[in-house]
Amino acid sequence: MNTLTAGTPAPAFTLMNQNNEPVSLSDFKGKKVLAYFYPKAMTPGCTVQACGLRDSKTELDEKNVVVLGISIDAVKRLPKFIERDNLNFTLLSDEDHAVADQFGVWGLKKFTLRNFH
């Protein structure tokens, strides 16, 4: 697993968004990008995290920050998450976890004696 260090430029990527349109990191040149990775849409922890970012949108906009949520969910699942929780930012599908690998966030994790990706 790769690990990014502070100050290292983020790896370039292009992923499909909730509308099945390609989105590239380079689309946001000149802006700050908060790319957050979550394991699976509509699960309790991921929903809390997404809703927290949703509720911070005004403050993030004032600071010129764009939020991109990235998961291994299929594109078709993303609009459901946006609609159900009234999310106000872009979600991206990384089904093969290639981008998560580049950012060093994909791998086996252990939590409360359970293993998961």
C-alpha atoms as a PDB file:
ATOM      1  CA  MET A   1       0.000   0.000   0.000  1.00  0.00           C
ATOM      2  CA  ASN A   2       1.283   3.466  -0.948  1.00  0.00           C
ATOM      3  CA  THR A   3       1.237   6.191   1.664  1.00  0.00           C
ATOM      4  CA  LEU A   4       1.100   9.896   0.881  1.00  0.00           C
ATOM      5  CA  THR A   5       3.017  12.235   3.124  1.00  0.00           C
ATOM      6  CA  ALA A   6       2.096  15.812   3.994  1.00  0.00           C
ATOM      7  CA  GLY A   7       3.040  18.212   1.231  1.00  0.00           C
ATOM      8  CA  THR A   8       3.071  15.530  -1.468  1.00  0.00           C
ATOM      9  CA  PRO A   9       0.901  16.439  -4.465  1.00  0.00           C
ATOM     10  CA  ALA A  10      -2.182  14.267  -4.780  1.00  0.00           C
ATOM     11  CA  PRO A  11      -2.065  11.669  -7.559  1.00  0.00           C
ATOM     12  CA  ALA A  12      -4.007  12.575 -10.705  1.00  0.00           C
ATOM     13  CA  PHE A  13      -7.206  10.620 -11.238  1.00  0.00           C
ATOM     14  CA  THR A  14     -10.414  10.483 -13.235  1.00  0.00           C
ATOM     15  CA  LEU A  15     -13.491   8.686 -11.894  1.00  0.00           C
ATOM     16  CA  MET A  16     -17.171   8.562 -12.799  1.00  0.00           C
ATOM     17  CA  ASN A  17     -19.538  10.664 -10.705  1.00  0.00           C
ATOM     18  CA  GLN A  18     -23.114  10.018  -9.595  1.00  0.00           C
ATOM     19  CA  ASN A  19     -24.341  11.125 -13.046  1.00  0.00           C
ATOM     20  CA  ASN A  20     -21.993   8.681 -14.805  1.00  0.00           C
ATOM     21  CA  GLU A  21     -19.818  11.590 -15.999  1.00  0.00           C
ATOM     22  CA  PRO A  22     -16.016  11.634 -15.751  1.00  0.00           C
ATOM     23  CA  VAL A  23     -14.523  13.897 -13.097  1.00  0.00           C
ATOM     24  CA  SER A  24     -10.785  14.533 -12.903  1.00  0.00           C
ATOM     25  CA  LEU A  25      -8.815  16.041 -10.077  1.00  0.00           C
ATOM     26  CA  SER A  26      -7.423  18.484 -12.644  1.00  0.00           C
ATOM     27  CA  ASP A  27     -10.970  19.859 -13.146  1.00  0.00           C
ATOM     28  CA  PHE A  28     -10.491  21.702  -9.860  1.00  0.00           C
ATOM     29  CA  LYS A  29      -7.182  23.408 -10.585  1.00  0.00           C
ATOM     30  CA  GLY A  30      -6.819  26.510  -8.401  1.00  0.00           C
ATOM     31  CA  LYS A  31      -9.213  25.166  -5.763  1.00  0.00           C
ATOM     32  CA  LYS A  32      -8.633  23.245  -2.590  1.00  0.00           C
ATOM     33  CA  VAL A  33      -9.999  19.723  -2.872  1.00  0.00           C
ATOM     34  CA  LEU A  34     -11.115  17.699   0.109  1.00  0.00           C
ATOM     35  CA  ALA A  35     -11.142  14.140  -1.241  1.00  0.00           C
ATOM     36  CA  TYR A  36     -12.513  11.833   1.397  1.00  0.00           C
ATOM     37  CA  PHE A  37     -12.723   8.080   1.096  1.00  0.00           C
ATOM     38  CA  TYR A  38     -15.547   6.090   2.636  1.00  0.00           C
ATOM     39  CA  PRO A  39     -16.080   2.317   2.517  1.00  0.00           C
ATOM     40  CA  LYS A  40     -19.721   2.054   1.433  1.00  0.00           C
ATOM     41  CA  ALA A  41     -22.651   4.376   0.766  1.00  0.00           C
ATOM     42  CA  MET A  42     -25.625   4.410   3.124  1.00  0.00           C
ATOM     43  CA  THR A  43     -23.908   2.643   6.000  1.00  0.00           C
ATOM     44  CA  PRO A  44     -24.111   4.250   9.460  1.00  0.00           C
ATOM     45  CA  GLY A  45     -20.566   5.593   9.805  1.00  0.00           C
ATOM     46  CA  CYS A  46     -20.327   6.730   6.192  1.00  0.00           C
ATOM     47  CA  THR A  47     -23.664   8.504   6.460  1.00  0.00           C
ATOM     48  CA  VAL A  48     -22.586  10.416   9.575  1.00  0.00           C
ATOM     49  CA  GLN A  49     -19.368  11.458   7.835  1.00  0.00           C
ATOM     50  CA  ALA A  50     -21.157  12.541   4.641  1.00  0.00           C
ATOM     51  CA  CYS A  51     -23.834  14.480   6.519  1.00  0.00           C
ATOM     52  CA  GLY A  52     -21.150  16.287   8.518  1.00  0.00           C
ATOM     53  CA  LEU A  53     -19.543  17.442   5.283  1.00  0.00           C
ATOM     54  CA  ARG A  54     -22.956  18.355   3.872  1.00  0.00           C
ATOM     55  CA  ASP A  55     -23.644  20.505   6.925  1.00  0.00           C
ATOM     56  CA  SER A  56     -20.247  22.233   6.552  1.00  0.00           C
ATOM     57  CA  LYS A  57     -20.766  23.093   2.867  1.00  0.00           C
ATOM     58  CA  THR A  58     -21.241  26.855   3.358  1.00  0.00           C
ATOM     59  CA  GLU A  59     -18.059  27.148   5.407  1.00  0.00           C
ATOM     60  CA  LEU A  60     -16.129  25.011   2.921  1.00  0.00           C
ATOM     61  CA  ASP A  61     -17.420  27.078  -0.015  1.00  0.00           C
ATOM     62  CA  GLU A  62     -16.234  30.262   1.713  1.00  0.00           C
ATOM     63  CA  LYS A  63     -12.746  28.744   1.864  1.00  0.00           C
ATOM     64  CA  ASN A  64     -12.850  27.689  -1.806  1.00  0.00           C
ATOM     65  CA  VAL A  65     -12.893  23.980  -0.889  1.00  0.00           C
ATOM     66  CA  VAL A  66     -14.504  21.392  -3.170  1.00  0.00           C
ATOM     67  CA  VAL A  67     -15.632  18.125  -1.548  1.00  0.00           C
ATOM     68  CA  LEU A  68     -15.297  14.835  -3.427  1.00  0.00           C
ATOM     69  CA  GLY A  69     -16.540  11.656  -1.760  1.00  0.00           C
ATOM     70  CA  ILE A  70     -14.862   8.531  -3.129  1.00  0.00           C
ATOM     71  CA  SER A  71     -15.956   4.941  -2.516  1.00  0.00           C
ATOM     72  CA  ILE A  72     -15.865   1.536  -4.154  1.00  0.00           C
ATOM     73  CA  ASP A  73     -19.624   1.716  -4.709  1.00  0.00           C
ATOM     74  CA  ALA A  74     -20.962   1.300  -8.240  1.00  0.00           C
ATOM     75  CA  VAL A  75     -22.016   4.529  -9.962  1.00  0.00           C
ATOM     76  CA  LYS A  76     -25.686   3.465  -9.819  1.00  0.00           C
ATOM     77  CA  ARG A  77     -25.614   3.448  -5.998  1.00  0.00           C
ATOM     78  CA  LEU A  78     -24.315   7.018  -5.644  1.00  0.00           C
ATOM     79  CA  PRO A  79     -27.480   8.957  -6.653  1.00  0.00           C
ATOM     80  CA  LYS A  80     -29.459   7.009  -4.042  1.00  0.00           C
ATOM     81  CA  PHE A  81     -27.031   8.128  -1.312  1.00  0.00           C
ATOM     82  CA  ILE A  82     -27.207  11.745  -2.489  1.00  0.00           C
ATOM     83  CA  GLU A  83     -31.010  11.737  -2.621  1.00  0.00           C
ATOM     84  CA  ARG A  84     -31.571   9.898   0.642  1.00  0.00           C
ATOM     85  CA  ASP A  85     -29.288  12.163   2.679  1.00  0.00           C
ATOM     86  CA  ASN A  86     -29.620  15.376   0.655  1.00  0.00           C
ATOM     87  CA  LEU A  87     -25.884  15.455  -0.046  1.00  0.00           C
ATOM     88  CA  ASN A  88     -24.632  18.614  -1.744  1.00  0.00           C
ATOM     89  CA  PHE A  89     -21.304  17.494  -3.160  1.00  0.00           C
ATOM     90  CA  THR A  90     -19.942  15.128  -5.793  1.00  0.00           C
ATOM     91  CA  LEU A  91     -19.591  11.399  -5.173  1.00  0.00           C
ATOM     92  CA  LEU A  92     -17.177   9.328  -7.250  1.00  0.00           C
ATOM     93  CA  SER A  93     -17.049   5.601  -7.956  1.00  0.00           C
ATOM     94  CA  ASP A  94     -13.702   3.830  -7.502  1.00  0.00           C
ATOM     95  CA  GLU A  95     -14.984   0.270  -7.972  1.00  0.00           C
ATOM     96  CA  ASP A  96     -11.568  -1.226  -8.622  1.00  0.00           C
ATOM     97  CA  HIS A  97     -10.097   0.837  -5.725  1.00  0.00           C
ATOM     98  CA  ALA A  98      -7.252   2.029  -7.980  1.00  0.00           C
ATOM     99  CA  VAL A  99      -7.484   5.608  -6.685  1.00  0.00           C
ATOM    100  CA  ALA A 100      -7.794   4.437  -3.084  1.00  0.00           C
ATOM    101  CA  ASP A 101      -4.602   2.436  -3.689  1.00  0.00           C
ATOM    102  CA  GLN A 102      -2.846   5.550  -5.038  1.00  0.00           C
ATOM    103  CA  PHE A 103      -3.824   7.485  -1.920  1.00  0.00           C
ATOM    104  CA  GLY A 104      -2.807   4.625   0.369  1.00  0.00           C
ATOM    105  CA  VAL A 105      -6.224   4.150   1.931  1.00  0.00           C
ATOM    106  CA  TRP A 106      -7.166   0.719   0.547  1.00  0.00           C
ATOM    107  CA  GLY A 107      -6.249  -2.368   2.487  1.00  0.00           C
ATOM    108  CA  LEU A 108      -7.373  -4.785   5.108  1.00  0.00           C
ATOM    109  CA  LYS A 109      -8.448  -3.054   8.327  1.00  0.00           C
ATOM    110  CA  LYS A 110      -9.290  -4.554  11.674  1.00  0.00           C
ATOM    111  CA  PHE A 111     -11.933  -3.086  13.957  1.00  0.00           C
ATOM    112  CA  THR A 112     -13.577  -4.777  16.933  1.00  0.00           C
ATOM    113  CA  LEU A 113     -12.105  -8.139  15.948  1.00  0.00           C
ATOM    114  CA  ARG A 114     -13.554  -7.922  12.416  1.00  0.00           C
ATOM    115  CA  ASN A 115     -11.555  -7.557   9.218  1.00  0.00           C
ATOM    116  CA  PHE A 116     -12.830  -5.416   6.368  1.00  0.00           C
ATOM    117  CA  HIS A 117     -11.636  -3.358   3.383  1.00  0.00           C
END
